[in-house]
Amino acid sequence: QVQLVESGGGLVQAGGSLRLSCAASGTIFRINSVGWYRQAPGNERELVAGITTGGSTNYADSAKGRFTISEDNAKNTVYLQMNSLKPDDTAVYYCKQDLRTTWGTIEFDKTFWGQGTQVTVSS
């Protein structure tokens, strides 16, 4: 059973930084793609940053130049470094990993989500 555990959220003043982590545990053969999403109250969940299967990174316009997504495949962990934080960045941040895992002898691809971590940026 694969699980994603997020950490690193918290309260920070505008202009500050936070680093989010998302560690996957369980039987994992391959990480296909990863992403960080966020959802503010009353808003839909939106993509903040992602790494494709081919290793390319992509960012929401609001994150470009301030956020950096990275992954450590040896640790099955994805990071989101967030700098120059703004009050508009306040949201619950969710990690998503598209993984190849197994059920018995059967391998299959599946999307897993973390539990979410609150990021609050004060003005």
C-alpha atoms as a PDB file:
ATOM      1  CA  GLN A   1       0.000   0.000   0.000  1.00  0.00           C
ATOM      2  CA  VAL A   2       1.525   3.281  -1.130  1.00  0.00           C
ATOM      3  CA  GLN A   3       1.139   6.344   1.054  1.00  0.00           C
ATOM      4  CA  LEU A   4       2.260   9.935   0.598  1.00  0.00           C
ATOM      5  CA  VAL A   5       3.170  11.970   3.656  1.00  0.00           C
ATOM      6  CA  GLU A   6       3.575  15.707   3.365  1.00  0.00           C
ATOM      7  CA  SER A   7       5.414  18.027   5.702  1.00  0.00           C
ATOM      8  CA  GLY A   8       6.824  21.531   5.840  1.00  0.00           C
ATOM      9  CA  GLY A   9       3.734  23.709   5.879  1.00  0.00           C
ATOM     10  CA  GLY A  10       3.176  26.433   8.432  1.00  0.00           C
ATOM     11  CA  LEU A  11       2.760  30.128   9.096  1.00  0.00           C
ATOM     12  CA  VAL A  12       5.213  32.546   7.550  1.00  0.00           C
ATOM     13  CA  GLN A  13       5.351  36.281   6.980  1.00  0.00           C
ATOM     14  CA  ALA A  14       5.135  37.730   3.497  1.00  0.00           C
ATOM     15  CA  GLY A  15       8.527  37.545   1.823  1.00  0.00           C
ATOM     16  CA  GLY A  16       9.500  34.447   3.732  1.00  0.00           C
ATOM     17  CA  SER A  17      10.227  30.926   2.546  1.00  0.00           C
ATOM     18  CA  LEU A  18       9.008  27.411   3.159  1.00  0.00           C
ATOM     19  CA  ARG A  19      10.016  24.024   1.803  1.00  0.00           C
ATOM     20  CA  LEU A  20       7.374  21.361   1.435  1.00  0.00           C
ATOM     21  CA  SER A  21       8.260  17.681   1.290  1.00  0.00           C
ATOM     22  CA  CYS A  22       6.232  14.720   0.072  1.00  0.00           C
ATOM     23  CA  ALA A  23       7.604  11.270   0.841  1.00  0.00           C
ATOM     24  CA  ALA A  24       6.138   8.147  -0.731  1.00  0.00           C
ATOM     25  CA  SER A  25       6.332   4.825   1.064  1.00  0.00           C
ATOM     26  CA  GLY A  26       5.391   1.329   0.000  1.00  0.00           C
ATOM     27  CA  THR A  27       6.235  -0.728  -3.046  1.00  0.00           C
ATOM     28  CA  ILE A  28       7.234   1.684  -5.800  1.00  0.00           C
ATOM     29  CA  PHE A  29       8.821   0.617  -9.057  1.00  0.00           C
ATOM     30  CA  ARG A  30       8.862   3.959 -10.771  1.00  0.00           C
ATOM     31  CA  ILE A  31       7.784   7.561 -10.311  1.00  0.00           C
ATOM     32  CA  ASN A  32       6.112   8.635 -13.546  1.00  0.00           C
ATOM     33  CA  SER A  33       5.264  12.226 -12.793  1.00  0.00           C
ATOM     34  CA  VAL A  34       4.780  14.432  -9.752  1.00  0.00           C
ATOM     35  CA  GLY A  35       3.079  17.679  -8.940  1.00  0.00           C
ATOM     36  CA  TRP A  36       2.149  20.135  -6.240  1.00  0.00           C
ATOM     37  CA  TYR A  37      -1.357  21.555  -6.161  1.00  0.00           C
ATOM     38  CA  ARG A  38      -3.042  24.013  -3.864  1.00  0.00           C
ATOM     39  CA  GLN A  39      -6.569  24.856  -2.877  1.00  0.00           C
ATOM     40  CA  ALA A  40      -7.631  28.046  -1.153  1.00  0.00           C
ATOM     41  CA  PRO A  41     -11.060  28.354   0.515  1.00  0.00           C
ATOM     42  CA  GLY A  42     -13.753  28.794  -2.099  1.00  0.00           C
ATOM     43  CA  ASN A  43     -11.389  28.014  -4.955  1.00  0.00           C
ATOM     44  CA  GLU A  44     -10.760  24.958  -7.061  1.00  0.00           C
ATOM     45  CA  ARG A  45      -7.595  22.947  -6.664  1.00  0.00           C
ATOM     46  CA  GLU A  46      -4.941  24.269  -9.035  1.00  0.00           C
ATOM     47  CA  LEU A  47      -1.585  23.053 -10.252  1.00  0.00           C
ATOM     48  CA  VAL A  48       1.333  24.955  -8.793  1.00  0.00           C
ATOM     49  CA  ALA A  49       4.296  23.027 -10.188  1.00  0.00           C
ATOM     50  CA  GLY A  50       4.990  19.662 -11.764  1.00  0.00           C
ATOM     51  CA  ILE A  51       7.645  17.373 -13.176  1.00  0.00           C
ATOM     52  CA  THR A  52       6.631  15.302 -16.192  1.00  0.00           C
ATOM     53  CA  THR A  53       7.602  11.725 -16.950  1.00  0.00           C
ATOM     54  CA  GLY A  54      10.358  13.075 -19.184  1.00  0.00           C
ATOM     55  CA  GLY A  55      11.773  15.237 -16.425  1.00  0.00           C
ATOM     56  CA  SER A  56      10.510  18.609 -17.620  1.00  0.00           C
ATOM     57  CA  THR A  57       9.255  21.062 -15.043  1.00  0.00           C
ATOM     58  CA  ASN A  58       6.243  23.315 -15.401  1.00  0.00           C
ATOM     59  CA  TYR A  59       4.917  26.064 -13.178  1.00  0.00           C
ATOM     60  CA  ALA A  60       1.807  28.116 -12.785  1.00  0.00           C
ATOM     61  CA  ASP A  61       2.387  31.727 -13.766  1.00  0.00           C
ATOM     62  CA  SER A  62       1.931  32.718 -10.128  1.00  0.00           C
ATOM     63  CA  ALA A  63       4.770  30.392  -9.098  1.00  0.00           C
ATOM     64  CA  LYS A  64       7.329  31.147 -11.782  1.00  0.00           C
ATOM     65  CA  GLY A  65      10.508  32.669 -10.445  1.00  0.00           C
ATOM     66  CA  ARG A  66       9.533  32.051  -6.826  1.00  0.00           C
ATOM     67  CA  PHE A  67       8.870  28.305  -6.468  1.00  0.00           C
ATOM     68  CA  THR A  68      11.087  25.377  -7.396  1.00  0.00           C
ATOM     69  CA  ILE A  69       9.962  21.767  -7.627  1.00  0.00           C
ATOM     70  CA  SER A  70      12.497  18.961  -7.327  1.00  0.00           C
ATOM     71  CA  GLU A  71      12.570  15.258  -6.620  1.00  0.00           C
ATOM     72  CA  ASP A  72      14.898  12.745  -5.029  1.00  0.00           C
ATOM     73  CA  ASN A  73      14.083   9.436  -6.678  1.00  0.00           C
ATOM     74  CA  ALA A  74      16.306   7.504  -4.280  1.00  0.00           C
ATOM     75  CA  LYS A  75      14.110   8.709  -1.418  1.00  0.00           C
ATOM     76  CA  ASN A  76      10.831   8.767  -3.398  1.00  0.00           C
ATOM     77  CA  THR A  77      10.453  12.332  -2.174  1.00  0.00           C
ATOM     78  CA  VAL A  78       9.270  15.462  -3.942  1.00  0.00           C
ATOM     79  CA  TYR A  79      10.019  18.966  -2.717  1.00  0.00           C
ATOM     80  CA  LEU A  80       8.574  22.407  -3.308  1.00  0.00           C
ATOM     81  CA  GLN A  81      10.815  25.289  -2.352  1.00  0.00           C
ATOM     82  CA  MET A  82       8.727  28.417  -2.000  1.00  0.00           C
ATOM     83  CA  ASN A  83      10.418  31.799  -1.762  1.00  0.00           C
ATOM     84  CA  SER A  84       9.113  35.361  -1.656  1.00  0.00           C
ATOM     85  CA  LEU A  85       5.805  34.108  -0.338  1.00  0.00           C
ATOM     86  CA  LYS A  86       2.728  36.292  -0.646  1.00  0.00           C
ATOM     87  CA  PRO A  87      -0.593  36.275   1.228  1.00  0.00           C
ATOM     88  CA  ASP A  88      -2.198  35.013  -2.016  1.00  0.00           C
ATOM     89  CA  ASP A  89      -0.137  31.837  -1.630  1.00  0.00           C
ATOM     90  CA  THR A  90      -2.177  30.904   1.436  1.00  0.00           C
ATOM     91  CA  ALA A  91      -3.814  27.542   0.764  1.00  0.00           C
ATOM     92  CA  VAL A  92      -3.709  23.850   1.512  1.00  0.00           C
ATOM     93  CA  TYR A  93      -0.957  22.326  -0.599  1.00  0.00           C
ATOM     94  CA  TYR A  94      -1.308  18.795  -1.935  1.00  0.00           C
ATOM     95  CA  CYS A  95       1.300  16.541  -3.430  1.00  0.00           C
ATOM     96  CA  LYS A  96       0.414  14.193  -6.273  1.00  0.00           C
ATOM     97  CA  GLN A  97       2.557  11.346  -7.501  1.00  0.00           C
ATOM     98  CA  ASP A  98       1.806   9.100 -10.453  1.00  0.00           C
ATOM     99  CA  LEU A  99       3.537   5.864  -9.561  1.00  0.00           C
ATOM    100  CA  ARG A 100       4.030   2.353 -10.826  1.00  0.00           C
ATOM    101  CA  THR A 101       3.283   0.040  -7.959  1.00  0.00           C
ATOM    102  CA  THR A 102       2.187  -3.548  -7.473  1.00  0.00           C
ATOM    103  CA  TRP A 103      -0.652  -5.612  -6.096  1.00  0.00           C
ATOM    104  CA  GLY A 104       0.733  -9.064  -5.596  1.00  0.00           C
ATOM    105  CA  THR A 105       2.447  -9.872  -8.881  1.00  0.00           C
ATOM    106  CA  ILE A 106       0.507  -7.330 -10.908  1.00  0.00           C
ATOM    107  CA  GLU A 107       2.176  -4.039 -11.761  1.00  0.00           C
ATOM    108  CA  PHE A 108       0.035  -0.995 -12.511  1.00  0.00           C
ATOM    109  CA  ASP A 109       0.151   2.775 -12.634  1.00  0.00           C
ATOM    110  CA  LYS A 110      -1.855   4.782 -10.138  1.00  0.00           C
ATOM    111  CA  THR A 111      -2.191   8.357  -8.923  1.00  0.00           C
ATOM    112  CA  PHE A 112      -1.685   9.018  -5.235  1.00  0.00           C
ATOM    113  CA  TRP A 113      -2.405  12.183  -3.259  1.00  0.00           C
ATOM    114  CA  GLY A 114      -0.952  13.443  -0.026  1.00  0.00           C
ATOM    115  CA  GLN A 115      -3.130  14.509   2.877  1.00  0.00           C
ATOM    116  CA  GLY A 116      -2.436  18.192   2.354  1.00  0.00           C
ATOM    117  CA  THR A 117      -0.435  20.687   4.363  1.00  0.00           C
ATOM    118  CA  GLN A 118      -1.563  24.181   5.307  1.00  0.00           C
ATOM    119  CA  VAL A 119       0.502  27.144   4.201  1.00  0.00           C
ATOM    120  CA  THR A 120      -0.487  30.506   5.654  1.00  0.00           C
ATOM    121  CA  VAL A 121       1.270  33.700   4.640  1.00  0.00           C
ATOM    122  CA  SER A 122       0.606  36.749   6.773  1.00  0.00           C
ATOM    123  CA  SER A 123       0.883  40.292   5.451  1.00  0.00           C
END
